[in-house]
Amino acid sequence: MQTLKLHLLLLIIIFTTFSTSHARPIPIHDVNFIQKTCKNTQNPSFCVSTLQSDKRSINVTTVDALAGISLGITVSAAESTLSTINDLAEKSPGTPLEEDLHVCAQLYSNAIDDLHDAIDQLNSKEYDAAATTADQAGDAPDSCEAVFTDGVKSPVTDRDKRVKDLCGLSVDLLDLLSS
């Protein structure tokens, strides 16, 4: 019985020593960083909800990183909108709607290229250029909406608004880096 107690005590000591010597310190991040940063944007609640929806923002501590995440979210939304536009065009052959959607597809294709350029500019720390380029990409949704005339209603209005808002958020964050 004495030997069993001694072995148990020895195991506890070894386990405690091993576990504490290999434990990693837990980094302490500013849990309010996103909220503090978003207060400086034109639409703080949209900024917070957008950035918190992306798991990459959990441990972010720089505006530069938040701007990159925002641009990534914007690219995804623009690509999804382009895909929807192309799908709708395929379902409307020979109609005025198809023609309008093809124009929108070209606008979005250009906007996606601009957004990729803005990411490259951000990575090169060219914040003013990145903001200008992201702002140009934000023209695509409005231009797409303006294409629909003669009683043809845009089937992508909600998506256009989302991409426009995301471009605006990206520009706001990039502007924070240049100020």
N, C-alpha and C. Protein backbone atom coordinates (compact mmCIF):
# COMPACT_ATOMS: atom_id res chain seq x y z
N MET A 1 0.82 -1.18 0.00
CA MET A 1 0.00 0.00 0.00
C MET A 1 0.87 1.26 0.00
N GLN A 2 1.91 1.24 0.80
CA GLN A 2 2.84 2.37 0.88
C GLN A 2 3.51 2.60 -0.48
N THR A 3 3.86 1.53 -1.17
CA THR A 3 4.49 1.64 -2.47
C THR A 3 3.53 2.24 -3.49
N LEU A 4 2.29 1.86 -3.43
CA LEU A 4 1.27 2.40 -4.34
C LEU A 4 1.12 3.90 -4.15
N LYS A 5 1.09 4.34 -2.91
CA LYS A 5 0.98 5.77 -2.61
C LYS A 5 2.20 6.52 -3.13
N LEU A 6 3.37 5.91 -2.95
CA LEU A 6 4.60 6.54 -3.40
C LEU A 6 4.62 6.67 -4.93
N HIS A 7 4.18 5.61 -5.63
CA HIS A 7 4.11 5.66 -7.10
C HIS A 7 3.10 6.71 -7.58
N LEU A 8 1.98 6.77 -6.90
CA LEU A 8 0.96 7.74 -7.26
C LEU A 8 1.47 9.17 -7.05
N LEU A 9 2.15 9.40 -5.95
CA LEU A 9 2.71 10.71 -5.67
C LEU A 9 3.77 11.07 -6.72
N LEU A 10 4.60 10.12 -7.07
CA LEU A 10 5.62 10.34 -8.08
C LEU A 10 5.00 10.68 -9.44
N LEU A 11 3.93 9.97 -9.81
CA LEU A 11 3.24 10.25 -11.07
C LEU A 11 2.64 11.65 -11.07
N ILE A 12 2.08 12.06 -9.96
CA ILE A 12 1.49 13.40 -9.87
C ILE A 12 2.57 14.46 -10.04
N ILE A 13 3.71 14.27 -9.41
CA ILE A 13 4.82 15.22 -9.51
C ILE A 13 5.32 15.29 -10.95
N ILE A 14 5.51 14.14 -11.57
CA ILE A 14 6.00 14.11 -12.96
C ILE A 14 4.99 14.77 -13.89
N PHE A 15 3.72 14.45 -13.72
CA PHE A 15 2.69 15.03 -14.58
C PHE A 15 2.64 16.54 -14.41
N THR A 16 2.67 17.01 -13.17
CA THR A 16 2.61 18.44 -12.91
C THR A 16 3.82 19.15 -13.50
N THR A 17 4.98 18.59 -13.32
CA THR A 17 6.21 19.19 -13.86
C THR A 17 6.17 19.21 -15.38
N PHE A 18 5.77 18.12 -15.98
CA PHE A 18 5.73 18.03 -17.45
C PHE A 18 4.71 19.01 -18.03
N SER A 19 3.53 19.04 -17.45
CA SER A 19 2.47 19.88 -18.02
C SER A 19 2.77 21.36 -17.86
N THR A 20 3.38 21.78 -16.76
CA THR A 20 3.67 23.21 -16.61
C THR A 20 4.89 23.64 -17.41
N SER A 21 5.81 22.73 -17.65
CA SER A 21 6.99 23.12 -18.41
C SER A 21 6.71 23.19 -19.91
N HIS A 22 5.63 22.57 -20.36
CA HIS A 22 5.29 22.59 -21.78
C HIS A 22 4.07 23.45 -22.09
N ALA A 23 3.57 24.12 -21.09
CA ALA A 23 2.39 24.96 -21.31
C ALA A 23 2.81 26.22 -22.06
N ARG A 24 1.99 26.63 -22.98
CA ARG A 24 2.25 27.85 -23.73
C ARG A 24 1.51 29.00 -23.09
N PRO A 25 2.12 30.15 -23.04
CA PRO A 25 1.40 31.29 -22.49
C PRO A 25 0.24 31.66 -23.42
N ILE A 26 -0.83 32.08 -22.86
CA ILE A 26 -2.00 32.48 -23.64
C ILE A 26 -1.85 33.96 -23.96
N PRO A 27 -1.80 34.28 -25.25
CA PRO A 27 -1.66 35.69 -25.60
C PRO A 27 -2.92 36.46 -25.24
N ILE A 28 -2.73 37.66 -24.76
CA ILE A 28 -3.87 38.49 -24.40
C ILE A 28 -4.03 39.53 -25.50
N HIS A 29 -5.16 39.48 -26.17
CA HIS A 29 -5.44 40.41 -27.26
C HIS A 29 -6.47 41.42 -26.80
N ASP A 30 -6.47 42.55 -27.45
CA ASP A 30 -7.46 43.57 -27.17
C ASP A 30 -8.77 43.14 -27.81
N VAL A 31 -9.67 42.64 -26.98
CA VAL A 31 -10.94 42.11 -27.50
C VAL A 31 -11.80 43.21 -28.11
N ASN A 32 -11.49 44.44 -27.81
CA ASN A 32 -12.28 45.55 -28.34
C ASN A 32 -11.62 46.23 -29.54
N PHE A 33 -10.56 45.63 -30.08
CA PHE A 33 -9.84 46.26 -31.18
C PHE A 33 -10.75 46.54 -32.38
N ILE A 34 -11.55 45.56 -32.74
CA ILE A 34 -12.45 45.75 -33.90
C ILE A 34 -13.42 46.89 -33.61
N GLN A 35 -14.03 46.89 -32.43
CA GLN A 35 -14.99 47.94 -32.10
C GLN A 35 -14.32 49.31 -32.10
N LYS A 36 -13.12 49.40 -31.51
CA LYS A 36 -12.41 50.68 -31.46
C LYS A 36 -12.08 51.17 -32.87
N THR A 37 -11.64 50.26 -33.71
CA THR A 37 -11.28 50.64 -35.08
C THR A 37 -12.53 51.05 -35.87
N CYS A 38 -13.58 50.27 -35.73
CA CYS A 38 -14.80 50.53 -36.50
C CYS A 38 -15.49 51.83 -36.13
N LYS A 39 -15.24 52.34 -34.92
CA LYS A 39 -15.81 53.64 -34.53
C LYS A 39 -15.33 54.75 -35.45
N ASN A 40 -14.23 54.52 -36.13
CA ASN A 40 -13.66 55.53 -37.03
C ASN A 40 -14.09 55.35 -38.48
N THR A 41 -15.08 54.49 -38.73
CA THR A 41 -15.58 54.28 -40.09
C THR A 41 -16.94 54.96 -40.23
N GLN A 42 -17.43 55.04 -41.46
CA GLN A 42 -18.71 55.71 -41.71
C GLN A 42 -19.90 54.92 -41.20
N ASN A 43 -19.76 53.58 -41.11
CA ASN A 43 -20.86 52.75 -40.64
C ASN A 43 -20.32 51.75 -39.62
N PRO A 44 -20.12 52.19 -38.36
CA PRO A 44 -19.48 51.34 -37.36
C PRO A 44 -20.16 50.00 -37.13
N SER A 45 -21.48 49.97 -37.09
CA SER A 45 -22.16 48.69 -36.82
C SER A 45 -21.96 47.71 -37.97
N PHE A 46 -22.00 48.20 -39.20
CA PHE A 46 -21.75 47.33 -40.36
C PHE A 46 -20.31 46.83 -40.31
N CYS A 47 -19.39 47.71 -39.97
CA CYS A 47 -17.97 47.35 -39.87
C CYS A 47 -17.78 46.22 -38.85
N VAL A 48 -18.32 46.40 -37.66
CA VAL A 48 -18.16 45.39 -36.60
C VAL A 48 -18.77 44.06 -37.03
N SER A 49 -20.00 44.08 -37.51
CA SER A 49 -20.66 42.82 -37.87
C SER A 49 -19.94 42.12 -39.01
N THR A 50 -19.45 42.89 -39.97
CA THR A 50 -18.74 42.31 -41.10
C THR A 50 -17.43 41.67 -40.66
N LEU A 51 -16.63 42.40 -39.91
CA LEU A 51 -15.33 41.88 -39.50
C LEU A 51 -15.46 40.74 -38.50
N GLN A 52 -16.42 40.83 -37.60
CA GLN A 52 -16.59 39.75 -36.63
C GLN A 52 -17.15 38.48 -37.27
N SER A 53 -17.72 38.60 -38.45
CA SER A 53 -18.25 37.42 -39.13
C SER A 53 -17.14 36.57 -39.74
N ASP A 54 -15.94 37.10 -39.78
CA ASP A 54 -14.81 36.39 -40.38
C ASP A 54 -13.86 35.94 -39.27
N LYS A 55 -13.65 34.63 -39.18
CA LYS A 55 -12.84 34.09 -38.08
C LYS A 55 -11.39 34.57 -38.11
N ARG A 56 -10.94 35.06 -39.25
CA ARG A 56 -9.56 35.57 -39.32
C ARG A 56 -9.37 36.82 -38.46
N SER A 57 -10.45 37.53 -38.12
CA SER A 57 -10.30 38.76 -37.35
C SER A 57 -10.18 38.54 -35.85
N ILE A 58 -10.31 37.32 -35.39
CA ILE A 58 -10.33 37.06 -33.95
C ILE A 58 -9.10 37.62 -33.24
N ASN A 59 -7.94 37.38 -33.76
CA ASN A 59 -6.71 37.80 -33.07
C ASN A 59 -5.99 38.96 -33.75
N VAL A 60 -6.68 39.67 -34.60
CA VAL A 60 -6.06 40.77 -35.34
C VAL A 60 -5.81 41.95 -34.41
N THR A 61 -4.64 42.56 -34.59
CA THR A 61 -4.28 43.70 -33.75
C THR A 61 -3.83 44.92 -34.55
N THR A 62 -4.00 44.87 -35.89
CA THR A 62 -3.60 46.02 -36.71
C THR A 62 -4.71 46.37 -37.69
N VAL A 63 -4.80 47.64 -37.99
CA VAL A 63 -5.77 48.11 -38.99
C VAL A 63 -5.41 47.53 -40.35
N ASP A 64 -4.13 47.41 -40.62
CA ASP A 64 -3.65 46.82 -41.87
C ASP A 64 -4.27 45.44 -42.08
N ALA A 65 -4.25 44.61 -41.04
CA ALA A 65 -4.82 43.27 -41.15
C ALA A 65 -6.33 43.32 -41.33
N LEU A 66 -7.00 44.23 -40.62
CA LEU A 66 -8.46 44.36 -40.79
C LEU A 66 -8.81 44.81 -42.21
N ALA A 67 -8.02 45.72 -42.76
CA ALA A 67 -8.26 46.17 -44.14
C ALA A 67 -8.10 45.00 -45.11
N GLY A 68 -7.11 44.16 -44.88
CA GLY A 68 -6.91 42.98 -45.72
C GLY A 68 -8.08 42.02 -45.64
N ILE A 69 -8.58 41.82 -44.44
CA ILE A 69 -9.74 40.94 -44.26
C ILE A 69 -10.95 41.54 -44.95
N SER A 70 -11.15 42.83 -44.78
CA SER A 70 -12.28 43.50 -45.42
C SER A 70 -12.20 43.39 -46.94
N LEU A 71 -11.02 43.60 -47.50
CA LEU A 71 -10.87 43.46 -48.95
C LEU A 71 -11.14 42.02 -49.39
N GLY A 72 -10.70 41.06 -48.60
CA GLY A 72 -10.97 39.65 -48.93
C GLY A 72 -12.46 39.34 -48.93
N ILE A 73 -13.16 39.86 -47.94
CA ILE A 73 -14.62 39.67 -47.87
C ILE A 73 -15.28 40.34 -49.08
N THR A 74 -14.78 41.51 -49.45
CA THR A 74 -15.34 42.25 -50.59
C THR A 74 -15.12 41.49 -51.89
N VAL A 75 -13.93 40.93 -52.07
CA VAL A 75 -13.65 40.13 -53.27
C VAL A 75 -14.62 38.95 -53.34
N SER A 76 -14.80 38.27 -52.23
CA SER A 76 -15.71 37.11 -52.21
C SER A 76 -17.14 37.51 -52.58
N ALA A 77 -17.59 38.63 -52.03
CA ALA A 77 -18.95 39.10 -52.34
C ALA A 77 -19.07 39.49 -53.81
N ALA A 78 -18.06 40.15 -54.34
CA ALA A 78 -18.09 40.56 -55.75
C ALA A 78 -18.05 39.34 -56.66
N GLU A 79 -17.23 38.35 -56.32
CA GLU A 79 -17.16 37.12 -57.13
C GLU A 79 -18.48 36.36 -57.07
N SER A 80 -19.09 36.32 -55.91
CA SER A 80 -20.39 35.66 -55.77
C SER A 80 -21.46 36.39 -56.59
N THR A 81 -21.42 37.71 -56.57
CA THR A 81 -22.36 38.49 -57.36
C THR A 81 -22.14 38.27 -58.85
N LEU A 82 -20.90 38.24 -59.28
CA LEU A 82 -20.59 37.97 -60.69
C LEU A 82 -21.12 36.60 -61.10
N SER A 83 -20.94 35.62 -60.25
CA SER A 83 -21.44 34.27 -60.54
C SER A 83 -22.97 34.27 -60.68
N THR A 84 -23.64 34.97 -59.79
CA THR A 84 -25.11 35.08 -59.86
C THR A 84 -25.53 35.79 -61.15
N ILE A 85 -24.83 36.86 -61.49
CA ILE A 85 -25.14 37.60 -62.71
C ILE A 85 -25.00 36.69 -63.93
N ASN A 86 -23.92 35.94 -63.99
CA ASN A 86 -23.71 35.03 -65.13
C ASN A 86 -24.78 33.94 -65.19
N ASP A 87 -25.16 33.42 -64.03
CA ASP A 87 -26.22 32.40 -63.99
C ASP A 87 -27.55 32.97 -64.49
N LEU A 88 -27.86 34.18 -64.05
CA LEU A 88 -29.11 34.81 -64.48
C LEU A 88 -29.09 35.12 -65.97
N ALA A 89 -27.96 35.52 -66.50
CA ALA A 89 -27.84 35.81 -67.93
C ALA A 89 -28.07 34.54 -68.75
N GLU A 90 -27.52 33.43 -68.29
CA GLU A 90 -27.71 32.15 -69.00
C GLU A 90 -29.18 31.74 -69.04
N LYS A 91 -29.94 32.13 -68.03
CA LYS A 91 -31.35 31.77 -67.95
C LYS A 91 -32.26 32.74 -68.71
N SER A 92 -31.66 33.77 -69.30
CA SER A 92 -32.45 34.80 -70.00
C SER A 92 -31.95 35.05 -71.41
N PRO A 93 -31.74 34.00 -72.21
CA PRO A 93 -31.16 34.21 -73.54
C PRO A 93 -32.05 35.06 -74.44
N GLY A 94 -31.37 35.97 -75.17
CA GLY A 94 -32.07 36.78 -76.16
C GLY A 94 -32.99 37.84 -75.61
N THR A 95 -32.84 38.18 -74.35
CA THR A 95 -33.73 39.17 -73.74
C THR A 95 -32.94 40.44 -73.39
N PRO A 96 -33.65 41.56 -73.19
CA PRO A 96 -32.96 42.77 -72.72
C PRO A 96 -32.27 42.53 -71.36
N LEU A 97 -32.87 41.68 -70.54
CA LEU A 97 -32.27 41.36 -69.24
C LEU A 97 -30.89 40.72 -69.44
N GLU A 98 -30.78 39.81 -70.40
CA GLU A 98 -29.49 39.17 -70.66
C GLU A 98 -28.45 40.21 -71.05
N GLU A 99 -28.83 41.12 -71.93
CA GLU A 99 -27.89 42.17 -72.36
C GLU A 99 -27.41 43.01 -71.17
N ASP A 100 -28.37 43.41 -70.34
CA ASP A 100 -28.02 44.22 -69.17
C ASP A 100 -27.11 43.45 -68.22
N LEU A 101 -27.40 42.19 -68.04
CA LEU A 101 -26.59 41.36 -67.14
C LEU A 101 -25.16 41.18 -67.67
N HIS A 102 -25.02 41.10 -68.99
CA HIS A 102 -23.67 40.99 -69.56
C HIS A 102 -22.85 42.26 -69.29
N VAL A 103 -23.51 43.40 -69.35
CA VAL A 103 -22.82 44.65 -69.01
C VAL A 103 -22.40 44.62 -67.54
N CYS A 104 -23.30 44.18 -66.67
CA CYS A 104 -22.98 44.09 -65.24
C CYS A 104 -21.84 43.11 -65.00
N ALA A 105 -21.84 42.02 -65.74
CA ALA A 105 -20.77 41.03 -65.58
C ALA A 105 -19.41 41.65 -65.89
N GLN A 106 -19.36 42.46 -66.94
CA GLN A 106 -18.09 43.12 -67.29
C GLN A 106 -17.69 44.12 -66.21
N LEU A 107 -18.67 44.85 -65.70
CA LEU A 107 -18.38 45.81 -64.63
C LEU A 107 -17.82 45.10 -63.40
N TYR A 108 -18.41 43.98 -63.05
CA TYR A 108 -17.95 43.24 -61.87
C TYR A 108 -16.60 42.58 -62.11
N SER A 109 -16.38 42.11 -63.32
CA SER A 109 -15.08 41.53 -63.64
C SER A 109 -13.97 42.56 -63.45
N ASN A 110 -14.23 43.78 -63.91
CA ASN A 110 -13.26 44.88 -63.74
C ASN A 110 -13.10 45.23 -62.26
N ALA A 111 -14.21 45.24 -61.52
CA ALA A 111 -14.15 45.57 -60.09
C ALA A 111 -13.34 44.54 -59.32
N ILE A 112 -13.50 43.27 -59.67
CA ILE A 112 -12.74 42.21 -59.01
C ILE A 112 -11.25 42.39 -59.29
N ASP A 113 -10.91 42.73 -60.52
CA ASP A 113 -9.50 43.01 -60.84
C ASP A 113 -8.99 44.19 -59.99
N ASP A 114 -9.81 45.22 -59.88
CA ASP A 114 -9.43 46.38 -59.06
C ASP A 114 -9.22 45.98 -57.60
N LEU A 115 -10.10 45.14 -57.08
CA LEU A 115 -9.97 44.72 -55.68
C LEU A 115 -8.70 43.90 -55.46
N HIS A 116 -8.35 43.06 -56.41
CA HIS A 116 -7.09 42.32 -56.30
C HIS A 116 -5.90 43.29 -56.35
N ASP A 117 -6.00 44.30 -57.19
CA ASP A 117 -4.95 45.32 -57.23
C ASP A 117 -4.86 46.06 -55.88
N ALA A 118 -6.01 46.34 -55.28
CA ALA A 118 -6.02 47.02 -53.98
C ALA A 118 -5.35 46.17 -52.91
N ILE A 119 -5.56 44.87 -52.97
CA ILE A 119 -4.90 43.96 -52.02
C ILE A 119 -3.39 44.01 -52.22
N ASP A 120 -2.96 43.98 -53.47
CA ASP A 120 -1.51 44.07 -53.75
C ASP A 120 -0.95 45.40 -53.24
N GLN A 121 -1.70 46.48 -53.45
CA GLN A 121 -1.24 47.79 -52.99
C GLN A 121 -1.19 47.85 -51.46
N LEU A 122 -2.18 47.24 -50.81
CA LEU A 122 -2.17 47.17 -49.35
C LEU A 122 -0.94 46.41 -48.87
N ASN A 123 -0.66 45.28 -49.49
CA ASN A 123 0.49 44.48 -49.10
C ASN A 123 1.81 45.21 -49.33
N SER A 124 1.81 46.16 -50.27
CA SER A 124 3.00 46.99 -50.53
C SER A 124 2.99 48.27 -49.71
N LYS A 125 2.02 48.38 -48.82
CA LYS A 125 1.88 49.56 -47.94
C LYS A 125 1.58 50.84 -48.72
N GLU A 126 0.99 50.71 -49.90
CA GLU A 126 0.56 51.86 -50.71
C GLU A 126 -0.91 52.13 -50.38
N TYR A 127 -1.14 52.66 -49.18
CA TYR A 127 -2.50 52.78 -48.65
C TYR A 127 -3.39 53.72 -49.45
N ASP A 128 -2.85 54.86 -49.85
CA ASP A 128 -3.66 55.81 -50.64
C ASP A 128 -4.09 55.20 -51.97
N ALA A 129 -3.15 54.54 -52.63
CA ALA A 129 -3.47 53.90 -53.92
C ALA A 129 -4.49 52.78 -53.71
N ALA A 130 -4.33 52.02 -52.65
CA ALA A 130 -5.28 50.93 -52.37
C ALA A 130 -6.68 51.48 -52.12
N ALA A 131 -6.77 52.58 -51.38
CA ALA A 131 -8.07 53.20 -51.11
C ALA A 131 -8.72 53.69 -52.40
N THR A 132 -7.93 54.33 -53.25
CA THR A 132 -8.45 54.83 -54.52
C THR A 132 -8.94 53.68 -55.40
N THR A 133 -8.17 52.61 -55.44
CA THR A 133 -8.52 51.46 -56.28
C THR A 133 -9.77 50.77 -55.75
N ALA A 134 -9.86 50.60 -54.44
CA ALA A 134 -11.06 49.99 -53.85
C ALA A 134 -12.29 50.87 -54.07
N ASP A 135 -12.07 52.19 -54.02
CA ASP A 135 -13.17 53.12 -54.28
C ASP A 135 -13.67 52.99 -55.72
N GLN A 136 -12.74 52.82 -56.66
CA GLN A 136 -13.13 52.61 -58.06
C GLN A 136 -13.95 51.32 -58.20
N ALA A 137 -13.55 50.28 -57.50
CA ALA A 137 -14.31 49.02 -57.55
C ALA A 137 -15.72 49.24 -57.04
N GLY A 138 -15.87 50.16 -56.09
CA GLY A 138 -17.19 50.45 -55.54
C GLY A 138 -18.14 51.13 -56.50
N ASP A 139 -17.63 51.56 -57.65
CA ASP A 139 -18.50 52.16 -58.67
C ASP A 139 -19.29 51.10 -59.44
N ALA A 140 -18.78 49.88 -59.47
CA ALA A 140 -19.43 48.81 -60.26
C ALA A 140 -20.88 48.55 -59.84
N PRO A 141 -21.18 48.43 -58.55
CA PRO A 141 -22.58 48.17 -58.18
C PRO A 141 -23.54 49.26 -58.65
N ASP A 142 -23.15 50.53 -58.48
CA ASP A 142 -24.02 51.63 -58.93
C ASP A 142 -24.17 51.61 -60.45
N SER A 143 -23.06 51.38 -61.15
CA SER A 143 -23.11 51.32 -62.61
C SER A 143 -23.97 50.16 -63.07
N CYS A 144 -23.86 49.04 -62.38
CA CYS A 144 -24.68 47.87 -62.73
C CYS A 144 -26.17 48.21 -62.56
N GLU A 145 -26.52 48.84 -61.46
CA GLU A 145 -27.92 49.20 -61.24
C GLU A 145 -28.43 50.16 -62.31
N ALA A 146 -27.57 51.06 -62.77
CA ALA A 146 -27.97 52.07 -63.76
C ALA A 146 -28.19 51.46 -65.14
N VAL A 147 -27.65 50.28 -65.38
CA VAL A 147 -27.78 49.61 -66.68
C VAL A 147 -29.23 49.21 -66.95
N PHE A 148 -29.96 48.87 -65.91
CA PHE A 148 -31.32 48.36 -66.07
C PHE A 148 -32.28 49.51 -66.31
N THR A 149 -32.81 49.58 -67.54
CA THR A 149 -33.74 50.63 -67.94
C THR A 149 -34.90 50.02 -68.71
N ASP A 150 -35.75 50.85 -69.20
CA ASP A 150 -36.89 50.42 -70.03
C ASP A 150 -37.73 49.35 -69.35
N GLY A 151 -37.99 49.56 -68.07
CA GLY A 151 -38.87 48.66 -67.35
C GLY A 151 -38.21 47.37 -66.87
N VAL A 152 -36.94 47.19 -67.16
CA VAL A 152 -36.24 45.99 -66.69
C VAL A 152 -35.71 46.30 -65.30
N LYS A 153 -36.10 45.47 -64.32
CA LYS A 153 -35.68 45.67 -62.94
C LYS A 153 -34.44 44.82 -62.66
N SER A 154 -33.51 45.39 -61.96
CA SER A 154 -32.29 44.67 -61.62
C SER A 154 -32.61 43.50 -60.68
N PRO A 155 -32.16 42.30 -61.02
CA PRO A 155 -32.37 41.15 -60.14
C PRO A 155 -31.25 41.03 -59.09
N VAL A 156 -30.30 41.97 -59.10
CA VAL A 156 -29.16 41.86 -58.18
C VAL A 156 -29.01 43.11 -57.29
N THR A 157 -30.10 43.81 -57.08
CA THR A 157 -30.04 45.05 -56.29
C THR A 157 -29.46 44.81 -54.90
N ASP A 158 -29.94 43.79 -54.20
CA ASP A 158 -29.45 43.51 -52.84
C ASP A 158 -27.96 43.18 -52.85
N ARG A 159 -27.55 42.40 -53.82
CA ARG A 159 -26.12 42.04 -53.93
C ARG A 159 -25.28 43.26 -54.27
N ASP A 160 -25.80 44.12 -55.16
CA ASP A 160 -25.09 45.35 -55.51
C ASP A 160 -24.89 46.22 -54.26
N LYS A 161 -25.93 46.34 -53.45
CA LYS A 161 -25.83 47.15 -52.23
C LYS A 161 -24.79 46.57 -51.30
N ARG A 162 -24.77 45.25 -51.15
CA ARG A 162 -23.80 44.60 -50.24
C ARG A 162 -22.36 44.87 -50.72
N VAL A 163 -22.12 44.69 -52.01
CA VAL A 163 -20.77 44.93 -52.53
C VAL A 163 -20.39 46.40 -52.38
N LYS A 164 -21.32 47.30 -52.65
CA LYS A 164 -21.07 48.74 -52.49
C LYS A 164 -20.68 49.05 -51.04
N ASP A 165 -21.45 48.51 -50.09
CA ASP A 165 -21.17 48.74 -48.68
C ASP A 165 -19.81 48.16 -48.27
N LEU A 166 -19.48 46.98 -48.79
CA LEU A 166 -18.19 46.36 -48.46
C LEU A 166 -17.03 47.15 -49.04
N CYS A 167 -17.20 47.65 -50.26
CA CYS A 167 -16.15 48.51 -50.84
C CYS A 167 -15.96 49.75 -49.98
N GLY A 168 -17.06 50.33 -49.54
CA GLY A 168 -16.98 51.51 -48.67
C GLY A 168 -16.26 51.22 -47.37
N LEU A 169 -16.53 50.07 -46.78
CA LEU A 169 -15.85 49.68 -45.54
C LEU A 169 -14.35 49.53 -45.79
N SER A 170 -14.01 48.86 -46.87
CA SER A 170 -12.58 48.68 -47.20
C SER A 170 -11.89 50.02 -47.37
N VAL A 171 -12.55 50.94 -48.07
CA VAL A 171 -11.98 52.28 -48.28
C VAL A 171 -11.80 52.98 -46.94
N ASP A 172 -12.81 52.89 -46.06
CA ASP A 172 -12.70 53.52 -44.74
C ASP A 172 -11.50 53.01 -43.96
N LEU A 173 -11.31 51.70 -43.98
CA LEU A 173 -10.18 51.11 -43.24
C LEU A 173 -8.84 51.50 -43.88
N LEU A 174 -8.81 51.52 -45.19
CA LEU A 174 -7.57 51.94 -45.87
C LEU A 174 -7.28 53.42 -45.60
N ASP A 175 -8.33 54.23 -45.54
CA ASP A 175 -8.14 55.65 -45.23
C ASP A 175 -7.55 55.84 -43.83
N LEU A 176 -7.93 54.97 -42.90
CA LEU A 176 -7.35 55.05 -41.55
C LEU A 176 -5.85 54.83 -41.57
N LEU A 177 -5.41 54.02 -42.52
CA LEU A 177 -3.98 53.72 -42.62
C LEU A 177 -3.20 54.88 -43.23
N SER A 178 -3.87 55.69 -44.04
CA SER A 178 -3.15 56.79 -44.68
C SER A 178 -3.22 58.07 -43.87
N SER A 179 -4.01 58.07 -42.82
CA SER A 179 -4.11 59.32 -42.03
C SER A 179 -3.10 59.35 -40.90
